[in-house]
Amino acid sequence: MTQDTQVPNTDSQNAGNHSDNDVRQRFFIEDSPVRGDVVRLSRSYASTIAQKPYPEAIKRLLGEMLTAASLLIGTVKINGHLSIQLQSSDSDSLLNWAMAECNQDGIIRALASWKGETDEQVQAWENMTHAKEAFAELGAMGQGVLFINIQPEGGEAIKASSSAAMTIWQTA
């Protein structure tokens, strides 16, 4: 097996503690069509969820989005940025939007906006523990949109958006 490892965002204080580092590792098995990427985002995920008091379901959704962005940037092999965004047009949705962005160097971030002003909204979030529950809060079919934006360095952005793509992602 052959591999190519990228370890972004390391510093001297955590260099000895490998489990705190982010790793994106490409691999393939010689004489086989099997190839892929392995991603561990310990530091980036911890940094993301420490930014705000995210409900558990949103923390998990952001973790999945961070992972997806990191895997996709490795797949498209561009020098630039890739972002994944979820947005709701449903005024009753508890999740307004969520986004994750990654560049070719593995620098990654994620954010989300949600409704949690009323006791009822706070209680609803406390009852959710899975990413798919936060995802479902985007609203009824056709009211949530998935955007994928690829911005090559010095080039024009490639944008794709589709509520159909979001439906496929949700059911997968």
N, C-alpha and C. Protein backbone atom coordinates (compact mmCIF):
# COMPACT_ATOMS: atom_id res chain seq x y z
N MET A 1 0.85 -1.17 0.00
CA MET A 1 0.00 0.00 0.00
C MET A 1 0.90 1.23 0.00
N THR A 2 0.54 2.22 -0.80
CA THR A 2 1.27 3.47 -0.88
C THR A 2 0.38 4.57 -0.36
N GLN A 3 0.99 5.57 0.27
CA GLN A 3 0.18 6.64 0.85
C GLN A 3 0.88 7.97 0.74
N ASP A 4 0.07 9.02 0.79
CA ASP A 4 0.55 10.40 0.76
C ASP A 4 -0.14 11.10 1.92
N THR A 5 0.63 11.61 2.86
CA THR A 5 0.04 12.18 4.07
C THR A 5 0.20 13.68 4.10
N GLN A 6 -0.85 14.38 4.53
CA GLN A 6 -0.80 15.82 4.74
C GLN A 6 -1.24 16.06 6.17
N VAL A 7 -0.43 16.78 6.94
CA VAL A 7 -0.77 17.09 8.32
C VAL A 7 -0.74 18.60 8.49
N PRO A 8 -1.88 19.28 8.24
CA PRO A 8 -1.91 20.73 8.39
C PRO A 8 -2.11 21.15 9.83
N ASN A 9 -1.93 22.43 10.10
CA ASN A 9 -2.26 23.05 11.38
C ASN A 9 -1.51 22.46 12.56
N THR A 10 -0.27 22.06 12.39
CA THR A 10 0.49 21.55 13.53
C THR A 10 1.34 22.66 14.10
N ASP A 11 1.59 22.59 15.39
CA ASP A 11 2.52 23.53 16.03
C ASP A 11 3.36 22.77 17.03
N SER A 12 4.37 23.43 17.57
CA SER A 12 5.33 22.73 18.42
C SER A 12 4.73 22.21 19.71
N GLN A 13 3.72 22.86 20.26
CA GLN A 13 3.19 22.40 21.54
C GLN A 13 2.42 21.09 21.42
N ASN A 14 1.87 20.79 20.25
CA ASN A 14 1.12 19.54 20.08
C ASN A 14 1.81 18.57 19.14
N ALA A 15 3.03 18.88 18.73
CA ALA A 15 3.71 18.01 17.77
C ALA A 15 3.90 16.60 18.31
N GLY A 16 4.05 16.45 19.59
CA GLY A 16 4.24 15.12 20.16
C GLY A 16 2.94 14.37 20.37
N ASN A 17 1.82 15.04 20.35
CA ASN A 17 0.53 14.40 20.57
C ASN A 17 -0.19 14.28 19.24
N HIS A 18 0.06 13.19 18.52
CA HIS A 18 -0.46 12.99 17.17
C HIS A 18 -1.99 12.98 17.13
N SER A 19 -2.64 12.56 18.21
CA SER A 19 -4.11 12.47 18.20
C SER A 19 -4.77 13.84 18.17
N ASP A 20 -4.04 14.93 18.48
CA ASP A 20 -4.60 16.28 18.44
C ASP A 20 -4.48 16.92 17.06
N ASN A 21 -3.79 16.26 16.14
CA ASN A 21 -3.54 16.84 14.83
C ASN A 21 -4.61 16.46 13.83
N ASP A 22 -4.75 17.29 12.81
CA ASP A 22 -5.59 16.97 11.66
C ASP A 22 -4.73 16.20 10.66
N VAL A 23 -5.31 15.20 10.03
CA VAL A 23 -4.59 14.40 9.05
C VAL A 23 -5.50 14.12 7.87
N ARG A 24 -4.98 14.34 6.67
CA ARG A 24 -5.66 13.90 5.45
C ARG A 24 -4.66 13.01 4.73
N GLN A 25 -5.02 11.77 4.53
CA GLN A 25 -4.08 10.80 3.98
C GLN A 25 -4.70 10.10 2.78
N ARG A 26 -4.03 10.19 1.66
CA ARG A 26 -4.46 9.50 0.44
C ARG A 26 -3.75 8.15 0.41
N PHE A 27 -4.45 7.13 -0.07
CA PHE A 27 -3.83 5.81 -0.17
C PHE A 27 -4.32 5.09 -1.42
N PHE A 28 -3.55 4.13 -1.85
CA PHE A 28 -4.00 3.20 -2.88
C PHE A 28 -3.28 1.88 -2.65
N ILE A 29 -3.91 0.83 -3.11
CA ILE A 29 -3.33 -0.51 -2.98
C ILE A 29 -2.76 -0.88 -4.34
N GLU A 30 -1.46 -1.16 -4.36
CA GLU A 30 -0.79 -1.47 -5.61
C GLU A 30 -1.44 -2.66 -6.29
N ASP A 31 -1.46 -2.62 -7.63
CA ASP A 31 -2.05 -3.67 -8.46
C ASP A 31 -3.53 -3.89 -8.15
N SER A 32 -4.20 -2.82 -7.75
CA SER A 32 -5.62 -2.90 -7.41
C SER A 32 -6.29 -1.57 -7.76
N PRO A 33 -7.57 -1.60 -8.09
CA PRO A 33 -8.27 -0.35 -8.36
C PRO A 33 -8.69 0.39 -7.07
N VAL A 34 -8.33 -0.15 -5.92
CA VAL A 34 -8.75 0.43 -4.64
C VAL A 34 -7.85 1.62 -4.29
N ARG A 35 -8.49 2.76 -4.05
CA ARG A 35 -7.80 3.97 -3.62
C ARG A 35 -8.78 4.80 -2.81
N GLY A 36 -8.27 5.71 -2.03
CA GLY A 36 -9.17 6.53 -1.23
C GLY A 36 -8.41 7.52 -0.38
N ASP A 37 -9.14 8.13 0.52
CA ASP A 37 -8.59 9.12 1.44
C ASP A 37 -9.11 8.80 2.84
N VAL A 38 -8.27 9.05 3.82
CA VAL A 38 -8.65 8.95 5.22
C VAL A 38 -8.46 10.33 5.82
N VAL A 39 -9.44 10.79 6.59
CA VAL A 39 -9.37 12.12 7.19
C VAL A 39 -9.62 11.99 8.69
N ARG A 40 -8.79 12.69 9.47
CA ARG A 40 -9.04 12.86 10.91
C ARG A 40 -8.89 14.34 11.20
N LEU A 41 -9.93 14.95 11.75
CA LEU A 41 -9.95 16.40 11.96
C LEU A 41 -10.09 16.74 13.43
N SER A 42 -9.27 16.17 14.26
CA SER A 42 -9.36 16.38 15.71
C SER A 42 -9.26 17.85 16.09
N ARG A 43 -8.22 18.51 15.67
CA ARG A 43 -7.99 19.91 16.06
C ARG A 43 -9.03 20.84 15.43
N SER A 44 -9.28 20.71 14.15
CA SER A 44 -10.25 21.60 13.48
C SER A 44 -11.65 21.43 14.03
N TYR A 45 -12.04 20.19 14.30
CA TYR A 45 -13.37 19.95 14.85
C TYR A 45 -13.48 20.55 16.26
N ALA A 46 -12.47 20.34 17.09
CA ALA A 46 -12.49 20.89 18.45
C ALA A 46 -12.55 22.42 18.42
N SER A 47 -11.79 23.02 17.51
CA SER A 47 -11.80 24.47 17.37
C SER A 47 -13.17 24.97 16.90
N THR A 48 -13.77 24.27 15.97
CA THR A 48 -15.08 24.66 15.43
C THR A 48 -16.16 24.63 16.51
N ILE A 49 -16.24 23.54 17.24
CA ILE A 49 -17.34 23.42 18.22
C ILE A 49 -17.10 24.26 19.47
N ALA A 50 -15.87 24.76 19.63
CA ALA A 50 -15.59 25.65 20.77
C ALA A 50 -15.96 27.11 20.48
N GLN A 51 -16.24 27.43 19.23
CA GLN A 51 -16.54 28.81 18.84
C GLN A 51 -17.85 29.32 19.43
N LYS A 52 -18.85 28.47 19.47
CA LYS A 52 -20.19 28.85 19.93
C LYS A 52 -20.77 27.68 20.71
N PRO A 53 -21.80 27.94 21.50
CA PRO A 53 -22.45 26.83 22.23
C PRO A 53 -23.42 26.07 21.33
N TYR A 54 -22.87 25.42 20.30
CA TYR A 54 -23.70 24.69 19.35
C TYR A 54 -24.46 23.55 20.03
N PRO A 55 -25.72 23.34 19.65
CA PRO A 55 -26.42 22.13 20.10
C PRO A 55 -25.71 20.89 19.56
N GLU A 56 -25.86 19.77 20.24
CA GLU A 56 -25.16 18.53 19.86
C GLU A 56 -25.40 18.14 18.41
N ALA A 57 -26.62 18.22 17.94
CA ALA A 57 -26.92 17.82 16.56
C ALA A 57 -26.18 18.71 15.55
N ILE A 58 -26.05 19.99 15.84
CA ILE A 58 -25.32 20.89 14.94
C ILE A 58 -23.83 20.59 15.01
N LYS A 59 -23.30 20.28 16.18
CA LYS A 59 -21.89 19.90 16.28
C LYS A 59 -21.60 18.71 15.36
N ARG A 60 -22.47 17.75 15.39
CA ARG A 60 -22.27 16.55 14.57
C ARG A 60 -22.41 16.87 13.08
N LEU A 61 -23.39 17.70 12.73
CA LEU A 61 -23.56 18.11 11.34
C LEU A 61 -22.31 18.85 10.85
N LEU A 62 -21.79 19.77 11.64
CA LEU A 62 -20.58 20.50 11.26
C LEU A 62 -19.39 19.55 11.11
N GLY A 63 -19.30 18.54 11.97
CA GLY A 63 -18.24 17.55 11.84
C GLY A 63 -18.32 16.80 10.52
N GLU A 64 -19.54 16.42 10.14
CA GLU A 64 -19.72 15.72 8.86
C GLU A 64 -19.40 16.65 7.69
N MET A 65 -19.78 17.91 7.81
CA MET A 65 -19.51 18.86 6.73
C MET A 65 -18.01 19.16 6.62
N LEU A 66 -17.30 19.26 7.75
CA LEU A 66 -15.85 19.44 7.73
C LEU A 66 -15.18 18.27 7.01
N THR A 67 -15.62 17.07 7.35
CA THR A 67 -15.06 15.86 6.74
C THR A 67 -15.33 15.84 5.24
N ALA A 68 -16.57 16.14 4.85
CA ALA A 68 -16.92 16.14 3.43
C ALA A 68 -16.10 17.17 2.65
N ALA A 69 -15.94 18.37 3.19
CA ALA A 69 -15.16 19.40 2.51
C ALA A 69 -13.71 18.96 2.35
N SER A 70 -13.14 18.37 3.40
CA SER A 70 -11.76 17.92 3.34
C SER A 70 -11.57 16.80 2.31
N LEU A 71 -12.50 15.87 2.26
CA LEU A 71 -12.42 14.78 1.28
C LEU A 71 -12.63 15.30 -0.14
N LEU A 72 -13.57 16.21 -0.32
CA LEU A 72 -13.85 16.74 -1.67
C LEU A 72 -12.69 17.56 -2.23
N ILE A 73 -12.04 18.38 -1.40
CA ILE A 73 -10.92 19.18 -1.91
C ILE A 73 -9.79 18.28 -2.37
N GLY A 74 -9.61 17.14 -1.70
CA GLY A 74 -8.59 16.17 -2.12
C GLY A 74 -8.98 15.47 -3.41
N THR A 75 -10.27 15.28 -3.62
CA THR A 75 -10.75 14.59 -4.81
C THR A 75 -10.67 15.47 -6.05
N VAL A 76 -11.06 16.74 -5.93
CA VAL A 76 -11.05 17.63 -7.10
C VAL A 76 -9.65 18.15 -7.43
N LYS A 77 -8.73 18.04 -6.50
CA LYS A 77 -7.32 18.36 -6.72
C LYS A 77 -7.12 19.74 -7.34
N ILE A 78 -7.59 20.76 -6.63
CA ILE A 78 -7.40 22.13 -7.09
C ILE A 78 -6.56 22.90 -6.08
N ASN A 79 -5.93 23.95 -6.55
CA ASN A 79 -5.31 24.92 -5.65
C ASN A 79 -6.34 26.01 -5.47
N GLY A 80 -6.91 26.08 -4.31
CA GLY A 80 -7.96 27.06 -4.04
C GLY A 80 -8.79 26.63 -2.85
N HIS A 81 -10.05 27.04 -2.85
CA HIS A 81 -10.98 26.76 -1.75
C HIS A 81 -12.19 25.98 -2.24
N LEU A 82 -12.76 25.19 -1.37
CA LEU A 82 -14.01 24.51 -1.63
C LEU A 82 -14.91 24.74 -0.43
N SER A 83 -16.15 25.11 -0.68
CA SER A 83 -17.08 25.27 0.44
C SER A 83 -18.35 24.49 0.17
N ILE A 84 -18.92 24.00 1.25
CA ILE A 84 -20.21 23.32 1.24
C ILE A 84 -21.12 24.13 2.13
N GLN A 85 -22.29 24.49 1.60
CA GLN A 85 -23.22 25.31 2.37
C GLN A 85 -24.61 24.70 2.32
N LEU A 86 -25.28 24.70 3.44
CA LEU A 86 -26.68 24.31 3.54
C LEU A 86 -27.44 25.54 3.97
N GLN A 87 -28.58 25.79 3.32
CA GLN A 87 -29.36 26.98 3.65
C GLN A 87 -30.84 26.65 3.56
N SER A 88 -31.60 27.21 4.49
CA SER A 88 -33.04 27.01 4.50
C SER A 88 -33.77 28.28 4.11
N SER A 89 -34.84 28.11 3.36
CA SER A 89 -35.73 29.25 3.06
C SER A 89 -37.02 29.13 3.85
N ASP A 90 -37.10 28.13 4.73
CA ASP A 90 -38.28 27.90 5.57
C ASP A 90 -38.17 28.76 6.82
N SER A 91 -39.10 29.69 7.00
CA SER A 91 -39.05 30.59 8.16
C SER A 91 -39.26 29.84 9.48
N ASP A 92 -39.84 28.65 9.43
CA ASP A 92 -40.05 27.85 10.64
C ASP A 92 -38.89 26.91 10.96
N SER A 93 -37.91 26.86 10.08
CA SER A 93 -36.77 25.97 10.27
C SER A 93 -35.95 26.42 11.48
N LEU A 94 -35.49 25.46 12.27
CA LEU A 94 -34.62 25.77 13.40
C LEU A 94 -33.17 25.98 12.98
N LEU A 95 -32.80 25.45 11.82
CA LEU A 95 -31.44 25.62 11.29
C LEU A 95 -31.51 26.61 10.13
N ASN A 96 -30.86 27.77 10.28
CA ASN A 96 -30.85 28.78 9.22
C ASN A 96 -29.89 28.40 8.10
N TRP A 97 -28.64 28.11 8.48
CA TRP A 97 -27.63 27.72 7.52
C TRP A 97 -26.45 27.07 8.25
N ALA A 98 -25.66 26.33 7.48
CA ALA A 98 -24.41 25.74 7.97
C ALA A 98 -23.43 25.72 6.81
N MET A 99 -22.15 25.89 7.10
CA MET A 99 -21.15 25.88 6.04
C MET A 99 -19.83 25.31 6.55
N ALA A 100 -19.10 24.69 5.63
CA ALA A 100 -17.74 24.22 5.89
C ALA A 100 -16.90 24.60 4.69
N GLU A 101 -15.67 25.01 4.94
CA GLU A 101 -14.77 25.44 3.87
C GLU A 101 -13.39 24.85 4.11
N CYS A 102 -12.73 24.45 3.03
CA CYS A 102 -11.39 23.87 3.12
C CYS A 102 -10.56 24.37 1.94
N ASN A 103 -9.26 24.56 2.17
CA ASN A 103 -8.39 24.88 1.05
C ASN A 103 -7.43 23.72 0.80
N GLN A 104 -6.60 23.83 -0.25
CA GLN A 104 -5.73 22.72 -0.64
C GLN A 104 -4.68 22.41 0.43
N ASP A 105 -4.41 23.35 1.33
CA ASP A 105 -3.43 23.12 2.39
C ASP A 105 -4.05 22.44 3.62
N GLY A 106 -5.36 22.20 3.57
CA GLY A 106 -6.02 21.55 4.70
C GLY A 106 -6.52 22.52 5.75
N ILE A 107 -6.44 23.82 5.50
CA ILE A 107 -6.98 24.80 6.44
C ILE A 107 -8.49 24.74 6.29
N ILE A 108 -9.18 24.51 7.39
CA ILE A 108 -10.60 24.20 7.33
C ILE A 108 -11.35 24.93 8.43
N ARG A 109 -12.60 25.28 8.16
CA ARG A 109 -13.43 25.94 9.16
C ARG A 109 -14.89 25.60 8.89
N ALA A 110 -15.73 25.80 9.89
CA ALA A 110 -17.16 25.58 9.74
C ALA A 110 -17.92 26.49 10.70
N LEU A 111 -19.11 26.87 10.30
CA LEU A 111 -19.99 27.74 11.09
C LEU A 111 -21.43 27.33 10.85
N ALA A 112 -22.30 27.73 11.77
CA ALA A 112 -23.74 27.50 11.57
C ALA A 112 -24.52 28.58 12.29
N SER A 113 -25.73 28.80 11.81
CA SER A 113 -26.67 29.73 12.44
C SER A 113 -27.97 28.96 12.69
N TRP A 114 -28.48 29.07 13.91
CA TRP A 114 -29.69 28.34 14.27
C TRP A 114 -30.56 29.21 15.16
N LYS A 115 -31.81 28.79 15.28
CA LYS A 115 -32.75 29.49 16.14
C LYS A 115 -32.77 28.79 17.50
N GLY A 116 -32.58 29.58 18.55
CA GLY A 116 -32.60 29.04 19.89
C GLY A 116 -32.96 30.11 20.90
N GLU A 117 -33.84 31.02 20.50
CA GLU A 117 -34.20 32.13 21.38
C GLU A 117 -35.31 31.77 22.38
N THR A 118 -36.23 30.92 21.95
CA THR A 118 -37.36 30.59 22.84
C THR A 118 -37.07 29.29 23.58
N ASP A 119 -37.78 29.09 24.68
CA ASP A 119 -37.64 27.83 25.44
C ASP A 119 -38.00 26.64 24.57
N GLU A 120 -39.01 26.80 23.72
CA GLU A 120 -39.44 25.71 22.84
C GLU A 120 -38.34 25.34 21.85
N GLN A 121 -37.67 26.34 21.28
CA GLN A 121 -36.58 26.08 20.34
C GLN A 121 -35.39 25.43 21.03
N VAL A 122 -35.05 25.92 22.22
CA VAL A 122 -33.95 25.34 22.99
C VAL A 122 -34.25 23.89 23.33
N GLN A 123 -35.45 23.61 23.75
CA GLN A 123 -35.86 22.24 24.09
C GLN A 123 -35.80 21.33 22.86
N ALA A 124 -36.25 21.86 21.72
CA ALA A 124 -36.20 21.07 20.48
C ALA A 124 -34.77 20.66 20.17
N TRP A 125 -33.81 21.60 20.29
CA TRP A 125 -32.40 21.27 20.03
C TRP A 125 -31.86 20.30 21.07
N GLU A 126 -32.27 20.43 22.32
CA GLU A 126 -31.79 19.51 23.36
C GLU A 126 -32.25 18.08 23.10
N ASN A 127 -33.36 17.92 22.39
CA ASN A 127 -33.88 16.58 22.08
C ASN A 127 -33.21 15.96 20.86
N MET A 128 -32.39 16.71 20.15
CA MET A 128 -31.71 16.20 18.95
C MET A 128 -30.25 15.88 19.27
N THR A 129 -29.80 14.72 18.81
CA THR A 129 -28.41 14.34 19.06
C THR A 129 -27.67 13.90 17.80
N HIS A 130 -28.36 13.79 16.68
CA HIS A 130 -27.74 13.28 15.45
C HIS A 130 -27.68 14.36 14.38
N ALA A 131 -26.67 14.28 13.51
CA ALA A 131 -26.52 15.23 12.41
C ALA A 131 -27.74 15.23 11.51
N LYS A 132 -28.32 14.05 11.27
CA LYS A 132 -29.46 13.98 10.36
C LYS A 132 -30.67 14.73 10.93
N GLU A 133 -30.76 14.86 12.25
CA GLU A 133 -31.85 15.63 12.84
C GLU A 133 -31.64 17.13 12.60
N ALA A 134 -30.41 17.60 12.70
CA ALA A 134 -30.12 19.01 12.39
C ALA A 134 -30.36 19.26 10.91
N PHE A 135 -29.94 18.34 10.08
CA PHE A 135 -30.13 18.45 8.64
C PHE A 135 -31.62 18.54 8.29
N ALA A 136 -32.43 17.74 8.96
CA ALA A 136 -33.88 17.74 8.71
C ALA A 136 -34.51 19.08 9.07
N GLU A 137 -33.85 19.85 9.93
CA GLU A 137 -34.38 21.16 10.33
C GLU A 137 -34.26 22.22 9.24
N LEU A 138 -33.68 21.87 8.11
CA LEU A 138 -33.63 22.81 6.99
C LEU A 138 -35.02 23.03 6.40
N GLY A 139 -35.96 22.15 6.71
CA GLY A 139 -37.34 22.33 6.26
C GLY A 139 -37.78 21.24 5.32
N ALA A 140 -38.98 21.44 4.79
CA ALA A 140 -39.58 20.48 3.87
C ALA A 140 -38.79 20.43 2.57
N MET A 141 -39.00 19.36 1.81
CA MET A 141 -38.31 19.21 0.54
C MET A 141 -38.54 20.44 -0.33
N GLY A 142 -37.47 20.95 -0.91
CA GLY A 142 -37.55 22.13 -1.74
C GLY A 142 -37.28 23.42 -1.00
N GLN A 143 -37.22 23.37 0.33
CA GLN A 143 -36.96 24.58 1.10
C GLN A 143 -35.53 24.66 1.60
N GLY A 144 -34.80 23.58 1.48
CA GLY A 144 -33.39 23.59 1.83
C GLY A 144 -32.56 23.42 0.58
N VAL A 145 -31.40 24.07 0.55
CA VAL A 145 -30.55 24.02 -0.63
C VAL A 145 -29.13 23.68 -0.20
N LEU A 146 -28.48 22.84 -0.99
CA LEU A 146 -27.07 22.51 -0.83
C LEU A 146 -26.30 23.27 -1.90
N PHE A 147 -25.30 24.05 -1.48
CA PHE A 147 -24.41 24.76 -2.41
C PHE A 147 -23.02 24.16 -2.27
N ILE A 148 -22.37 23.92 -3.38
CA ILE A 148 -20.95 23.56 -3.38
C ILE A 148 -20.26 24.58 -4.26
N ASN A 149 -19.27 25.25 -3.70
CA ASN A 149 -18.55 26.31 -4.40
C ASN A 149 -17.07 25.92 -4.45
N ILE A 150 -16.52 25.89 -5.65
CA ILE A 150 -15.10 25.59 -5.83
C ILE A 150 -14.46 26.85 -6.40
N GLN A 151 -13.48 27.39 -5.69
CA GLN A 151 -12.82 28.64 -6.09
C GLN A 151 -11.34 28.37 -6.32
N PRO A 152 -10.93 28.11 -7.57
CA PRO A 152 -9.50 27.93 -7.84
C PRO A 152 -8.76 29.24 -7.61
N GLU A 153 -7.50 29.15 -7.16
CA GLU A 153 -6.70 30.36 -6.99
C GLU A 153 -6.57 31.06 -8.33
N GLY A 154 -6.91 32.35 -8.35
CA GLY A 154 -6.79 33.13 -9.56
C GLY A 154 -7.79 32.79 -10.64
N GLY A 155 -8.77 31.96 -10.33
CA GLY A 155 -9.74 31.56 -11.34
C GLY A 155 -11.16 31.93 -10.96
N GLU A 156 -12.07 31.65 -11.86
CA GLU A 156 -13.48 31.92 -11.63
C GLU A 156 -14.11 30.79 -10.83
N ALA A 157 -14.99 31.13 -9.91
CA ALA A 157 -15.65 30.15 -9.07
C ALA A 157 -16.54 29.23 -9.88
N ILE A 158 -16.57 27.97 -9.47
CA ILE A 158 -17.48 26.98 -10.04
C ILE A 158 -18.52 26.72 -8.96
N LYS A 159 -19.77 27.00 -9.25
CA LYS A 159 -20.82 26.87 -8.24
C LYS A 159 -21.85 25.85 -8.69
N ALA A 160 -22.31 25.06 -7.75
CA ALA A 160 -23.40 24.13 -8.01
C ALA A 160 -24.37 24.22 -6.84
N SER A 161 -25.64 24.25 -7.14
CA SER A 161 -26.63 24.23 -6.08
C SER A 161 -27.82 23.42 -6.54
N SER A 162 -28.41 22.72 -5.59
CA SER A 162 -29.54 21.90 -5.95
C SER A 162 -30.26 21.41 -4.71
N SER A 163 -31.56 21.58 -4.70
CA SER A 163 -32.33 20.96 -3.63
C SER A 163 -32.43 19.47 -3.89
N ALA A 164 -32.34 19.03 -5.14
CA ALA A 164 -32.34 17.61 -5.46
C ALA A 164 -31.09 16.93 -4.92
N ALA A 165 -29.93 17.61 -5.07
CA ALA A 165 -28.69 17.04 -4.54
C ALA A 165 -28.78 16.90 -3.03
N MET A 166 -29.41 17.86 -2.38
CA MET A 166 -29.55 17.79 -0.94
C MET A 166 -30.42 16.61 -0.54
N THR A 167 -31.46 16.34 -1.30
CA THR A 167 -32.34 15.21 -1.00
C THR A 167 -31.57 13.90 -1.13
N ILE A 168 -30.73 13.78 -2.14
CA ILE A 168 -29.92 12.58 -2.30
C ILE A 168 -28.97 12.41 -1.13
N TRP A 169 -28.32 13.51 -0.70
CA TRP A 169 -27.37 13.46 0.40
C TRP A 169 -28.09 13.07 1.70
N GLN A 170 -29.29 13.60 1.91
CA GLN A 170 -30.03 13.33 3.12
C GLN A 170 -30.41 11.85 3.23
N THR A 171 -30.78 11.24 2.13
CA THR A 171 -31.26 9.86 2.18
C THR A 171 -30.13 8.85 2.10
N ALA A 172 -28.93 9.30 1.78
CA ALA A 172 -27.79 8.37 1.65
C ALA A 172 -27.32 7.90 3.00
